[in-house]
Structure formats: structure tokens, C-alpha cells
Protein backbone atom coordinates (compact mmCIF):
# COMPACT_ATOMS: atom_id res chain seq x y z
CA UNK A 1 -13.84 15.79 -13.78
CA UNK A 2 -14.13 19.78 -13.45
CA UNK A 3 -11.12 21.88 -15.53
CA UNK A 4 -8.38 23.00 -13.31
CA UNK A 5 -9.52 26.29 -10.75
CA UNK A 6 -13.00 26.18 -11.79
CA UNK A 7 -14.15 24.86 -8.21
CA UNK A 8 -13.45 27.73 -6.19
CA UNK A 9 -13.27 28.68 -2.61
CA UNK A 10 -14.37 32.14 -1.67
CA UNK A 11 -13.49 33.89 1.17
CA UNK A 12 -13.92 36.79 3.00
CA UNK A 13 -10.72 39.60 2.07
CA UNK A 14 -9.09 36.88 0.24
CA UNK A 15 -6.61 37.33 -2.88
CA UNK A 16 -7.32 35.79 -5.96
CA UNK A 17 -5.68 35.33 -9.68
CA UNK A 18 -8.42 35.25 -12.11
CA UNK A 19 -7.91 34.78 -15.43
CA UNK A 20 -10.01 33.46 -18.69
CA UNK A 21 -9.30 33.32 -22.46
CA UNK A 22 -11.17 33.24 -25.42
CA UNK A 23 -13.34 30.10 -26.58
CA UNK A 24 -11.05 27.66 -28.89
CA UNK A 25 -8.12 30.32 -27.72
CA UNK A 26 -9.73 33.02 -30.17
CA UNK A 27 -8.83 36.67 -30.09
CA UNK A 28 -11.20 38.75 -27.64
CA UNK A 29 -8.99 41.76 -28.11
CA UNK A 30 -8.93 42.46 -31.85
CA UNK A 31 -7.58 46.16 -31.47
CA UNK A 32 -6.96 48.90 -29.37
CA UNK A 33 -10.61 49.81 -29.13
CA UNK A 34 -11.33 46.20 -27.56
CA UNK A 35 -8.43 46.81 -25.17
CA UNK A 36 -9.73 50.33 -23.94
CA UNK A 37 -13.12 49.34 -23.79
CA UNK A 38 -12.22 46.74 -21.68
CA UNK A 39 -10.40 48.70 -19.35
CA UNK A 40 -13.47 51.39 -19.57
CA UNK A 41 -15.50 48.77 -17.60
CA UNK A 42 -12.85 47.86 -14.76
CA UNK A 43 -12.81 51.76 -14.14
CA UNK A 44 -16.64 51.83 -14.17
CA UNK A 45 -17.31 49.29 -11.80
CA UNK A 46 -14.08 49.85 -9.37
CA UNK A 47 -13.88 53.59 -9.59
CA UNK A 48 -16.02 55.16 -6.94
CA UNK A 49 -19.08 56.25 -7.71
CA UNK A 50 -19.95 60.36 -7.53
CA UNK A 51 -24.21 59.93 -6.97
CA UNK A 52 -23.82 63.39 -5.94
CA UNK A 53 -21.95 64.86 -8.81
CA UNK A 54 -23.90 63.05 -11.43
CA UNK A 55 -27.16 64.01 -9.88
CA UNK A 56 -26.05 67.47 -10.48
CA UNK A 57 -25.22 67.03 -13.78
CA UNK A 58 -28.67 65.05 -14.24
CA UNK A 59 -30.35 68.11 -13.46
CA UNK A 60 -28.54 70.26 -15.79
CA UNK A 61 -28.19 68.35 -18.72
CA UNK A 62 -30.51 68.17 -21.92
CA UNK A 63 -32.73 64.98 -22.25
CA UNK A 64 -30.16 63.44 -25.05
CA UNK A 65 -27.84 63.20 -22.55
CA UNK A 66 -30.27 61.93 -19.34
CA UNK A 67 -29.88 58.52 -20.38
CA UNK A 68 -26.13 57.81 -20.07
CA UNK A 69 -25.98 59.40 -16.68
CA UNK A 70 -28.97 57.59 -15.67
CA UNK A 71 -27.44 54.41 -16.77
CA UNK A 72 -24.26 55.37 -14.92
CA UNK A 73 -26.40 56.12 -11.46
CA UNK A 74 -27.47 52.57 -11.48
CA UNK A 75 -24.92 50.70 -12.98
CA UNK A 76 -23.40 48.04 -10.33
CA UNK A 77 -20.58 49.52 -8.55
CA UNK A 78 -17.87 47.26 -6.83
CA UNK A 79 -15.76 49.79 -5.20
CA UNK A 80 -16.34 48.47 -1.69
CA UNK A 81 -15.95 45.18 -1.91
CA UNK A 82 -13.14 44.69 -5.21
CA UNK A 83 -9.66 45.84 -5.01
CA UNK A 84 -7.79 45.49 -8.28
CA UNK A 85 -4.10 44.80 -7.31
CA UNK A 86 -2.92 44.25 -10.88
CA UNK A 87 -3.94 43.37 -14.57
CA UNK A 88 -2.74 42.23 -17.85
CA UNK A 89 -4.68 42.26 -20.97
CA UNK A 90 -3.52 39.95 -24.14
CA UNK A 91 -5.26 39.01 -27.20
CA UNK A 92 -7.16 36.15 -26.56
CA UNK A 93 -6.49 36.04 -22.66
CA UNK A 94 -6.97 38.20 -19.46
CA UNK A 95 -5.43 38.48 -16.13
CA UNK A 96 -6.56 40.04 -12.96
CA UNK A 97 -5.37 40.49 -9.48
CA UNK A 98 -8.00 41.18 -6.81
CA UNK A 99 -8.66 41.42 -3.48
CA UNK A 100 -12.65 40.76 -2.61
CA UNK A 101 -13.65 42.19 0.61
CA UNK A 102 -17.01 40.30 1.01
CA UNK A 103 -17.53 36.56 0.10
CA UNK A 104 -19.52 36.59 -3.08
CA UNK A 105 -18.08 39.87 -5.05
CA UNK A 106 -16.00 38.60 -7.20
CA UNK A 107 -18.55 36.24 -8.25
CA UNK A 108 -20.95 38.99 -9.09
CA UNK A 109 -18.32 41.52 -10.39
CA UNK A 110 -16.97 38.82 -13.09
CA UNK A 111 -20.68 37.75 -13.70
CA UNK A 112 -20.93 42.05 -14.68
CA UNK A 113 -18.00 42.42 -16.32
CA UNK A 114 -17.79 39.09 -18.73
CA UNK A 115 -21.49 39.68 -19.61
CA UNK A 116 -21.04 43.58 -20.05
CA UNK A 117 -18.10 42.93 -22.58
CA UNK A 118 -19.78 39.98 -24.40
CA UNK A 119 -22.73 42.42 -25.55
CA UNK A 120 -20.43 44.92 -26.59
CA UNK A 121 -18.09 42.61 -28.29
CA UNK A 122 -20.95 40.75 -30.31
CA UNK A 123 -22.71 43.77 -31.38
CA UNK A 124 -19.33 45.25 -32.56
CA UNK A 125 -18.62 42.01 -34.73
CA UNK A 126 -21.73 40.43 -35.29
CA UNK A 127 -21.70 37.55 -33.58
CA UNK A 128 -23.63 35.58 -31.57
CA UNK A 129 -22.60 33.02 -28.64
CA UNK A 130 -20.33 32.78 -25.78
CA UNK A 131 -17.27 35.17 -26.39
CA UNK A 132 -14.88 33.43 -23.20
CA UNK A 133 -13.95 29.68 -22.55
CA UNK A 134 -15.98 28.62 -19.77
CA UNK A 135 -16.23 30.33 -16.49
CA UNK A 136 -13.07 31.94 -15.57
CA UNK A 137 -10.77 31.00 -13.29
CA UNK A 138 -9.77 31.78 -9.89
CA UNK A 139 -6.99 30.97 -7.64
CA UNK A 140 -6.81 31.70 -4.00
CA UNK A 141 -3.45 33.06 -3.03
CA UNK A 142 -2.03 31.63 0.36
CA UNK A 143 0.94 34.07 1.07
CA UNK A 144 2.59 37.42 0.54
CA UNK A 145 5.50 36.06 -1.33
CA UNK A 146 2.82 34.52 -3.72
CA UNK A 147 0.93 37.36 -4.26
CA UNK A 148 4.27 39.42 -4.77
CA UNK A 149 5.47 36.75 -7.54
CA UNK A 150 1.84 36.52 -9.49
CA UNK A 151 2.00 40.01 -9.78
CA UNK A 152 5.40 39.96 -11.55
CA UNK A 153 4.09 37.14 -13.30
CA UNK A 154 1.02 39.11 -14.89
CA UNK A 155 3.13 41.96 -15.65
CA UNK A 156 5.44 39.97 -17.52
CA UNK A 157 2.95 38.39 -19.63
CA UNK A 158 3.71 40.26 -22.86
CA UNK A 159 7.43 39.01 -23.08
CA UNK A 160 5.55 35.99 -24.07
CA UNK A 161 3.50 36.75 -26.73
CA UNK A 162 3.53 38.37 -30.28
CA UNK A 163 4.02 42.00 -28.47
CA UNK A 164 6.92 43.59 -30.37
CA UNK A 165 7.41 46.48 -28.11
CA UNK A 166 11.09 47.17 -26.79
CA UNK A 167 10.38 46.89 -23.44
CA UNK A 168 7.45 45.76 -20.59
CA UNK A 169 7.08 49.13 -19.75
CA UNK A 170 5.63 50.34 -22.82
CA UNK A 171 2.92 47.49 -23.39
CA UNK A 172 -0.04 49.76 -22.94
CA UNK A 173 -2.56 47.13 -21.41
CA UNK A 174 -1.19 46.36 -18.42
CA UNK A 175 -1.14 47.79 -14.83
CA UNK A 176 2.91 48.03 -14.62
CA UNK A 177 3.05 51.91 -15.70
CA UNK A 178 0.83 52.09 -12.64
CA UNK A 179 3.74 50.40 -10.39
CA UNK A 180 6.29 52.16 -11.83
CA UNK A 181 4.96 55.12 -10.82
CA UNK A 182 3.95 56.78 -14.53
CA UNK A 183 0.21 57.04 -13.91
CA UNK A 184 -2.11 56.44 -11.20
CA UNK A 185 -6.16 55.43 -10.82
CA UNK A 186 -8.56 55.02 -7.69
CA UNK A 187 -9.43 51.91 -9.45
CA UNK A 188 -5.76 50.50 -9.26
CA UNK A 189 -4.45 49.46 -5.83
CA UNK A 190 -0.72 49.45 -5.99
CA UNK A 191 0.26 50.04 -2.39
CA UNK A 192 -0.51 46.75 -0.99
CA UNK A 193 1.96 44.79 -3.09
CA UNK A 194 4.36 47.54 -3.28
CA UNK A 195 4.62 47.47 0.73
CA UNK A 196 4.94 43.40 0.16
CA UNK A 197 8.42 44.16 -1.93
CA UNK A 198 9.56 46.60 0.50
CA UNK A 199 9.50 43.97 3.33
CA UNK A 200 10.37 40.69 1.18
CA UNK A 201 13.52 42.32 -1.22
CA UNK A 202 14.18 45.21 0.82
CA UNK A 203 16.75 46.92 -2.01
CA UNK A 204 14.68 46.21 -4.84
CA UNK A 205 12.74 48.58 -6.81
CA UNK A 206 9.49 47.16 -8.68
CA UNK A 207 11.09 47.71 -11.84
CA UNK A 208 14.11 45.44 -10.44
CA UNK A 209 11.99 43.09 -8.94
CA UNK A 210 10.38 42.63 -12.26
CA UNK A 211 13.83 42.28 -14.52
CA UNK A 212 15.84 40.64 -11.86
CA UNK A 213 17.18 36.95 -13.57
CA UNK A 214 17.90 35.52 -10.37
CA UNK A 215 13.84 36.56 -9.03
CA UNK A 216 12.62 35.67 -12.16
CA UNK A 217 13.47 31.40 -11.71
CA UNK A 218 12.36 31.78 -8.52
CA UNK A 219 8.89 33.11 -9.02
CA UNK A 220 8.61 30.11 -11.94
CA UNK A 221 8.85 27.96 -9.47
CA UNK A 222 6.18 29.95 -7.01
CA UNK A 223 3.60 30.66 -9.57
CA UNK A 224 3.52 27.65 -11.60
CA UNK A 225 0.60 26.03 -10.54
CA UNK A 226 -1.06 29.56 -11.39
CA UNK A 227 -0.50 29.32 -15.35
CA UNK A 228 -3.26 29.28 -17.77
CA UNK A 229 -4.64 25.55 -18.58
């Protein structure tokens, strides 16, 4: 029997909770550099590519720099196919909340992201073989309320880990700070979920939505089926 959420229903303009973890639950982000490399790959794939600017830089660059720029020019880019709505990276797993605009965009995006990170990780730690536990899991989100509460679940992940920070807002490897207005990036799309929040919980800020205990209980029921196997 296939593992839970490995059989995927791909829909154009569909919303998905994507997650995966290390094989045998092993650590996949060993230090700050690993987290930052994975985030840099998200940026590379999801930030709109400035081809005109890159070509101008290419013309003026010394030969030693040209390879890097050519790689950026030829690299896959999914900015017109994928919207990243939320993310959280934990030591042995990650969560992404994604809207795909075309039917197979997630499949292509996740293959590029996972392959590139495994190559980096294996080279850095002098290992061979697979890093992730099977293929990624993908759960189709059916309602606006589900979407909102899955974002809450993703951003609340550090509370159930060994993270020793004082608050969720301080966790550096999730998109929560983007939702609280502390930073912004072209490759993270917060507007859709914040609009849903203002429609469903009219008097709540996103911070209150994350911390409210009554909402926590409701959220637990709504997202139970989205947890890791």
C-alpha cells in the first residue's frame, strides 16, 4: 500500500501542503549554513529572474565570474508557476505551503529543489545516496480556512522541536517573520493568507492568530490529517 500522501492529485491553481524528512529521520540541516543554502535555493527558483540585468553583468564580468552568471541565466525558474505562501525548515524535515499555477509545476519544482540540495549536502558531508525519506508528500488544500490553519501549523512547528528560543517569532528558518512584517521578499507571497485571515477572523492580527489558545484547539482538529507520517 502506498505511504500516506505519496499519491498526488495535481490541479491547476491548486494549493498544497508539501513536506518531507530525512531518510531514517536523520538530520538534513546540520547547521546554519545548511538552512541558508536551502533558503537560497528557494530564492533562486522562485524570485523572478532579471535576465536583462544578468546579461549586462555578463558582458562586463571577468572570465572567472562568467560561469556563475551563465548558471543563473540557464537555471530553472518557477516564479511564474509557483507561489510559496509559507515555509518552515526543521532539523530533520521541512514544510512548504504552495500554490501551483500549472498542473505539474510542483513536481518539476520539487525535483529541482531536492536534487540540488542533495548534491550540495552529499558533497559537503562526503556521503553518497539519498537524503530524503522517499518522495515528498503533497496534500491538496480544499478550503480557505484549511489554508489559513495549515499556515498556522507550519509556523508553529518549532514549539514541538528542540528549538530553545524564547518565541516562535525568533525562529530564523520559517516565514513567520514575513507575516509579522519584519521582512519581505519577492519569493514569499503572504497577501493571500493575510486576506483570508482578515475575512475569517476580522479582529485578529496574524500574531494573535498564531498565539490564541482557542484557535490552537480548532486548528489541531482541522490540520490533523496534514501531519507527518
